[in-house]
Structures are given as structure tokens and as C-alpha cells.
Amino acid sequence: MSFTLAIVGRPNVGKSTLFNRLVGRRLALVDDQPGVTRDLREGDARLGPLRFTVIDTAGLEEATDESLQGRMRMLTERAVEMADVCLFMIDARVGVMPADLVFAEILRRKSSKVVVAANKAEGRAGEEGYYDAFSLGLGEPIQLSAEHGEGMDDLMRFLMPIHDEFKDRQIEPETEIEVAEDGEDDDGEIVFSEGRPLQIAIVGRPNAGKSTLINQILGEDKMLTGPEAGITRDAISTNFNWDGVPMRIWDTAGMRKRAKVQEKLEKLSVSDGLRAVRFSEVVVVLLDVNMPFEQQDLRIADLAEREGRAVVIAVNKWDTETDKQEKLRDLRESFTRLLPQLRGAPMVTVSAKTGRGMDRLHKAILQAHAVWNRRISTARLNRWLTGMLEAHPPPAPGGKRIRLRYMTQVKTRPPSFVVMCSHPDLLAESYSRYLINGLRDDLDLPGTPIRLFMRSQSDKNPYRNKVEKKVTKLNKHLEGRFNKTVGRGTKKQK
């Protein structure tokens, strides 16, 4: 990318709508309610021949630094300092407000390159606001309609000189990289690269400390945090290198019980978080040590397991616990009892505030990811299956004997197995759980989701139909030869 563009302005002027249009996807949440965006969201933008990084920011509001709006404004100001150029948006249908004049003065001090855009300027309703934007003293404004895509050519014309100025910074992506099959090297170890980082999603209930944990991992206050519950709304991803491992980590909105989620905006936030879970490889379920394993925590962990993701349980705010040994025993007992489908998954204690336990969390994430990618040979699986059948043969419902003939692993991520057997529809679910628990214990697959499929295999010879067809064809051929030979003889011979 050649340069970085930060979109700033008052709440509800259309910043996220323009961001989505530039990146070509609906990444940022958009709603008529002002103040939807709170964190900084980055994306790769395309505008004609231009390629650049665009940052969606929170709406600029006049507020004290201690308030939530004040912390959002400080985060936006930091994005302004980081960006190469700022796109200052106003609402052309409202015109220049007193707050716009204040923020124009801030941009004049903090950013050397500012482009003014009068959004919602389609039709005659926005003409007055467009001409009013000249009063900001930041140069000729652009007449835009982010929702309908009008004015994109004018924006490209303004950004072209900036692109030419920063084009020397543009780095061509490395395309010829030797990567082993399935993302593994010759020793069977997972290979990570900047182009293929490890995908991690941090999920949990509101106010569990997800954004604080990510800030602690990144070593900077990139995510908006505070004592208020439900601050995070968008699922924000960040690329970084954690102890030599390239990773992409997702901060998600807190997930409450479905009955309590009434507002449309919160529903959009939860949906965005679920999308991040589906994109991830490892899901870190963050619990509050003061209220661990609440009903909603169990639902979130079960969701990650049903989506087939590797799961790590992290218990936050460990620094506030006094009797740590007794609490740890209770946590392990509750984990084993309440989440049997994740038996053996890593569980670590951390403190997002102080940073303790970050090394254990890093190790647990890599361990869960390695198990999630584990592959077992067919020979070993069938030796194991023979032992399981001898120890506990499958039941015979209605006198019908169920034979499990052989087993193979069909895929990883998560480990998935197929067992060829007779009467798979009659096999009890309890016996499938018996086999899955045996896979976890005997073949070193702790905590990861396991998929086990039963497929029917008939007792009949699979080549029988082919043989019958060949015999029929041969008989017809011989009969034709015989008739042809007889037809050549004399009448007496016939």
C-alpha cells in the first residue's frame, strides 16, 4: 500500500459507509444511529488504479478526556497523527456545524494533508452544504455520496498526487514462496508467514476484558477500553508478530444472552463477532474469574466447538483472586464437568491488566492449533479401532450385528474421521461418543473438536456388477461369432 488515509468527522456523517465502499466489502457496521463506530478499523482500499490503506475512525465529539466519547476522540486523534492524509467529512445536508470548525482547527495542527469531503451531497439538498464547506479553510471540498457512489472520480483525482508522492513506499507482495503441502514443513510442523498468519478470535461476555487483553498482547492501547460494559461493537482485526509467530487477532463485541439482545445495533455487533469466530482458527474464550462458567460462557464455548475451531479457555482478572490454589481446583473441576465436549482443552489464568500469564496463553494457543491440525495414519487408526472393538463391541439392536470394518482420517482442522460399517443408522450415539473419547485419550487429541462419520458398506462384492456385465458382453460376442460361422455353411450343414 502506498499511503494511509484516515476518514474523520462528526458522528453519523457517513464515514463507515465510505470505508465499506473503498474496501469493497461491508466490514464496518453501519446504522442510522450516531456513534456506531468506536474503535479504529483498517482496510485495504481500491479506488481506480490507487491502492492504499484506509482507517475508519470514531466520530469526533467535544467531550472530556475521562468520558467514553473523550477516549474515542483521543483514539481518533492518534489515527490522524499516524495517517499520511486525512479525509475530513461533513454532512452536506446539515452544513458546517460549530463542532466542524473546532475539528478543522485540530486537523490543521495535527495533519499536513487534509481533504474535505461534503458527503450526502446528491441532489439539490446538499448544494448549500457543499459551498458552505469552503468556509473551513482547508481547500476545495469534494462533493460525495458514499451511499450511492457519486463523486468517487473526484476523490481519486484529489488522491492521485498524494499517491504519486508516496509510491516509492509501496512494496510489491512476495508471490513466489515455497510452502509445503497443508501448510507444514518436512518435519510436520505448522509454518506461519506474514501472508498466512495464525487467526485468533477473542470472545466472551461483555466486560470480561477482551480489549484490554489484546492491548496487553500488542503492547499498545489500540483498542478502546474502559469500565463501561459493551464498549466494543465492531469485530476489529490486527496483524502483529507475537514472539516470532505472525498472528491476526480479532477483538469482538461481548455476547449476551439472546433474550437480552433487543437493539438492532447489538444484534449487528454479535453477528460481526460470530463472523470473526468462523474466520478464526483458534478461539480464546475469555472468562471473568469472579463469575466463571456462567451459562452464557458455556454457550460461547459450545458455539466455538460446533464451528469446529480450536478452543483455549482463558480466565481473566487473576490478579484480583486471593486464594489462587483453591480457585484453580474449582475452575478445573467446573471445566471438566460443564464442558465435556472440550475435555483436555488448554485452560490458562491471565491478568490483562498486569500482563501476567501472557506467555502461558501464547503457548496454549500454539498447542491447541497443533492438535487441531494433527493427522493420524490409517494403519494406526485401524489398530486402535480393533482394540476398541475388542474392549467394547458395538450393540446389536434388534439382533442385527453392526460391524465396524475400517477407519480413516479424511481431513484436519478439525480432525475428521470416517468409519465404514454395516447399519450405520442403527449405531447408538453413545457408542460414537465412546469412540470420540477414545480418540482424545489414546491418540493425543485433547480438547479439539472431533468429527466422526459412519458410512455404510455392503456385504456384497463391490465388483459383482462389473463382472456380470463383462460376462453378459462376452456371451453376446460368442453368440454372434457362432451365428456368423454357422451362416457360412451349406444348406445340408445347416
Foldseek 3Di string as FASTA:
>chain_A
DQFEEEEAAAWQQCQLLLVCVFQVHNQDDDDNDTFLDQAKAWHWGDQPPDTYIYIYATYQDDDDCPDSNNVSNVLSLVVLLVGQEYEYEDALLVADDPVNLVVLVSSVVRYPHYAYEHEPLPDPSRPNRQVRVVVSVRDRHFYYYSNVGPRSVVVCVVCVVVSVVRVVVDDDDDDDDDADPPQADPVRAHDADLVRAAQEEEAEAWPLCQQLLVCLQVVHNRDRDDNDTFSDQGFHWDWDAGPNGTYIYTYATGDDDPVPPDDPSNVNRVVNSLVSLLVHQEYEYEAELVDPPDVVSLVVVVSSLVSQHQYEYEYEPLVPDDPNVVSVVVVVVCCCVSCVQQAQQHYWYAYSVVGPPPVVVVVSRSVSSSLQQDADAQVVQFVLVVVVCVVPNFDAPPNRHKDFDGKHFDGGSPTEMETEIAPPVPTDPVVVVVVVVCCCPPVVNHRGRYHYYYDYDDPDDPCVVVVVVVVVVVVVVVVVVVVVVQVVDDPVSD
